[in-house]
Amino acid sequence: MEDFSKEAERNLANYARLLEEQGCSKEESFQLLLAEFNGTPYAWGEETTEASDCSGTVCAALNALFSTDIRVTADDLFRLYFTLAVESEDGIQAVFFLNREGRAVHIAGCIGNGLFLNESSIEEFGGTPRTLDELETMYCQFMCIRRQLKEDEWA
């Protein structure tokens, strides 16, 4: 079976450049890049539109947006990059689910209009847009915290 992951990564980066050329904001571009993962099969440790896990989805969208190559866990995203409290609907945002020890074990990036792209093994059809209420029900055993990206930390 042929591996199309590098091609998928290049396509996402090309899409990011096109969005920038069209004058999209970073926030809008992030949301559109994340939406490309709708229906992407879950695969732990992966990070392309061919297959991805929760943190890989967010990292891939951010890498395409900022022309970087950073791959970290949901907990690292929570502790190092999405460090700002959400005070409005503006900005690049994600929701994190923390276990009893305070470690982020899941992330879903905001795709706008009150929806988050949930890339998870419990999703039947891969990456799926979900409301915050749906996510809180699905991950009720975890504490839910919404955060905003501190852009200068990623780029």
Protein backbone atom coordinates (compact mmCIF):
# COMPACT_ATOMS: atom_id res chain seq x y z
CA MET A 1 0.00 0.00 0.00
CA GLU A 2 1.34 3.40 -1.01
CA ASP A 3 1.98 6.01 1.68
CA PHE A 4 0.45 9.35 0.72
CA SER A 5 1.17 11.09 4.05
CA LYS A 6 3.93 13.39 2.70
CA GLU A 7 1.72 14.40 -0.22
CA ALA A 8 -1.15 15.08 2.20
CA GLU A 9 1.18 17.22 4.33
CA ARG A 10 2.26 19.23 1.26
CA ASN A 11 -1.35 19.68 0.16
CA LEU A 12 -2.29 21.07 3.57
CA ALA A 13 0.66 23.50 3.45
CA ASN A 14 -0.34 24.59 -0.07
CA TYR A 15 -3.91 25.15 1.12
CA ALA A 16 -2.57 27.30 3.99
CA ARG A 17 -0.63 29.46 1.52
CA LEU A 18 -3.74 29.82 -0.66
CA LEU A 19 -5.80 30.92 2.34
CA GLU A 20 -3.15 33.50 3.23
CA GLU A 21 -3.11 34.81 -0.35
CA GLN A 22 -6.90 35.17 -0.19
CA GLY A 23 -6.56 37.33 2.92
CA CYS A 24 -7.92 34.91 5.49
CA SER A 25 -7.03 35.63 9.11
CA LYS A 26 -4.89 33.15 11.05
CA GLU A 27 -7.97 32.14 13.05
CA GLU A 28 -10.10 31.52 9.97
CA SER A 29 -7.26 29.68 8.24
CA PHE A 30 -6.73 27.43 11.27
CA GLN A 31 -10.42 26.58 11.32
CA LEU A 32 -10.47 25.76 7.60
CA LEU A 33 -7.29 23.70 7.86
CA LEU A 34 -8.73 21.71 10.77
CA ALA A 35 -11.94 21.13 8.79
CA GLU A 36 -9.81 19.27 6.24
CA PHE A 37 -9.55 16.48 8.85
CA ASN A 38 -13.31 15.88 8.82
CA GLY A 39 -13.66 12.13 8.20
CA THR A 40 -9.92 11.44 8.58
CA PRO A 41 -9.40 7.98 10.10
CA TYR A 42 -7.97 7.90 13.62
CA ALA A 43 -4.42 6.54 13.93
CA TRP A 44 -2.38 7.09 17.08
CA GLY A 45 0.82 9.03 16.44
CA GLU A 46 -0.15 10.19 12.95
CA GLU A 47 -0.66 13.76 11.77
CA THR A 48 -1.95 14.02 8.20
CA THR A 49 -5.32 14.16 6.49
CA GLU A 50 -4.70 10.50 5.56
CA ALA A 51 -4.68 9.42 9.24
CA SER A 52 -4.27 11.32 12.49
CA ASP A 53 -4.74 11.40 16.23
CA CYS A 54 -6.14 14.31 18.25
CA SER A 55 -2.89 16.20 18.86
CA GLY A 56 -1.58 15.34 15.38
CA THR A 57 -4.60 17.02 13.82
CA VAL A 58 -4.01 20.27 15.72
CA CYS A 59 -0.23 20.16 15.17
CA ALA A 60 -0.65 19.55 11.43
CA ALA A 61 -3.05 22.50 11.07
CA LEU A 62 -0.71 24.78 13.05
CA ASN A 63 2.36 23.58 11.14
CA ALA A 64 0.66 24.27 7.80
CA LEU A 65 -0.48 27.68 9.05
CA PHE A 66 2.86 28.83 10.49
CA SER A 67 5.24 26.85 8.21
CA THR A 68 6.70 24.97 11.15
CA ASP A 69 7.40 21.33 11.98
CA ILE A 70 6.41 20.82 15.61
CA ARG A 71 4.83 17.59 16.87
CA VAL A 72 3.80 17.39 20.51
CA THR A 73 1.19 15.69 22.68
CA ALA A 74 -2.15 17.07 23.84
CA ASP A 75 -0.57 17.76 27.22
CA ASP A 76 2.32 19.70 25.66
CA LEU A 77 -0.15 21.72 23.56
CA PHE A 78 -2.03 22.55 26.77
CA ARG A 79 1.03 23.46 28.85
CA LEU A 80 3.28 25.12 26.27
CA TYR A 81 1.22 26.58 23.45
CA PHE A 82 -2.47 27.02 24.27
CA THR A 83 -1.75 28.99 27.42
CA LEU A 84 -4.25 31.86 27.20
CA ALA A 85 -7.64 31.88 28.86
CA VAL A 86 -10.50 32.23 26.38
CA GLU A 87 -12.13 35.61 26.80
CA SER A 88 -14.00 35.86 23.48
CA GLU A 89 -14.72 33.84 20.36
CA ASP A 90 -11.64 35.36 18.67
CA GLY A 91 -8.30 33.62 18.25
CA ILE A 92 -7.09 30.10 17.59
CA GLN A 93 -8.75 27.92 20.20
CA ALA A 94 -8.99 24.34 21.39
CA VAL A 95 -10.69 22.42 24.14
CA PHE A 96 -8.65 20.09 26.34
CA PHE A 97 -9.71 17.19 28.54
CA LEU A 98 -7.64 16.68 31.67
CA ASN A 99 -7.41 13.56 33.80
CA ARG A 100 -7.41 13.56 37.64
CA GLU A 101 -3.69 14.30 37.68
CA GLY A 102 -4.24 17.44 35.60
CA ARG A 103 -2.68 16.00 32.44
CA ALA A 104 -4.34 16.79 29.11
CA VAL A 105 -5.26 13.46 27.53
CA HIS A 106 -7.34 14.78 24.62
CA ILE A 107 -7.66 17.90 22.47
CA ALA A 108 -10.19 19.09 19.91
CA GLY A 109 -9.45 22.21 17.85
CA CYS A 110 -12.11 24.86 17.25
CA ILE A 111 -13.45 24.96 13.67
CA GLY A 112 -15.82 27.88 14.33
CA ASN A 113 -19.54 28.30 14.85
CA GLY A 114 -19.37 26.52 18.20
CA LEU A 115 -17.88 23.34 16.71
CA PHE A 116 -14.68 21.45 17.46
CA LEU A 117 -13.02 18.81 15.28
CA ASN A 118 -12.88 15.65 17.37
CA GLU A 119 -10.27 13.17 16.10
CA SER A 120 -10.67 10.13 18.30
CA SER A 121 -10.79 6.35 18.24
CA ILE A 122 -14.34 6.55 19.61
CA GLU A 123 -15.58 8.37 16.50
CA GLU A 124 -17.12 5.90 14.06
CA PHE A 125 -16.28 7.92 10.93
CA GLY A 126 -12.96 9.53 11.86
CA GLY A 127 -12.59 13.25 12.57
CA THR A 128 -16.03 14.60 13.45
CA PRO A 129 -17.32 18.12 14.18
CA ARG A 130 -18.82 18.22 17.69
CA THR A 131 -20.31 20.89 19.93
CA LEU A 132 -18.74 21.56 23.31
CA ASP A 133 -21.79 19.97 24.98
CA GLU A 134 -21.33 16.79 22.93
CA LEU A 135 -17.64 16.63 23.80
CA GLU A 136 -18.28 17.18 27.49
CA THR A 137 -20.77 14.30 27.42
CA MET A 138 -18.39 12.03 25.51
CA TYR A 139 -15.49 12.79 27.86
CA CYS A 140 -17.48 13.30 31.07
CA GLN A 141 -14.80 11.57 33.17
CA PHE A 142 -12.37 14.39 32.37
CA MET A 143 -12.20 18.09 33.23
CA CYS A 144 -12.86 20.27 30.19
CA ILE A 145 -10.80 23.45 29.70
CA ARG A 146 -10.96 25.76 26.69
CA ARG A 147 -7.76 27.63 25.79
CA GLN A 148 -6.43 30.01 23.16
CA LEU A 149 -3.11 29.66 21.32
CA LYS A 150 -0.38 32.11 22.24
CA GLU A 151 0.71 32.53 18.60
CA ASP A 152 4.24 33.75 19.23
CA GLU A 153 4.92 30.55 21.20
CA TRP A 154 4.17 28.34 18.16
CA ALA A 155 5.73 30.40 15.40
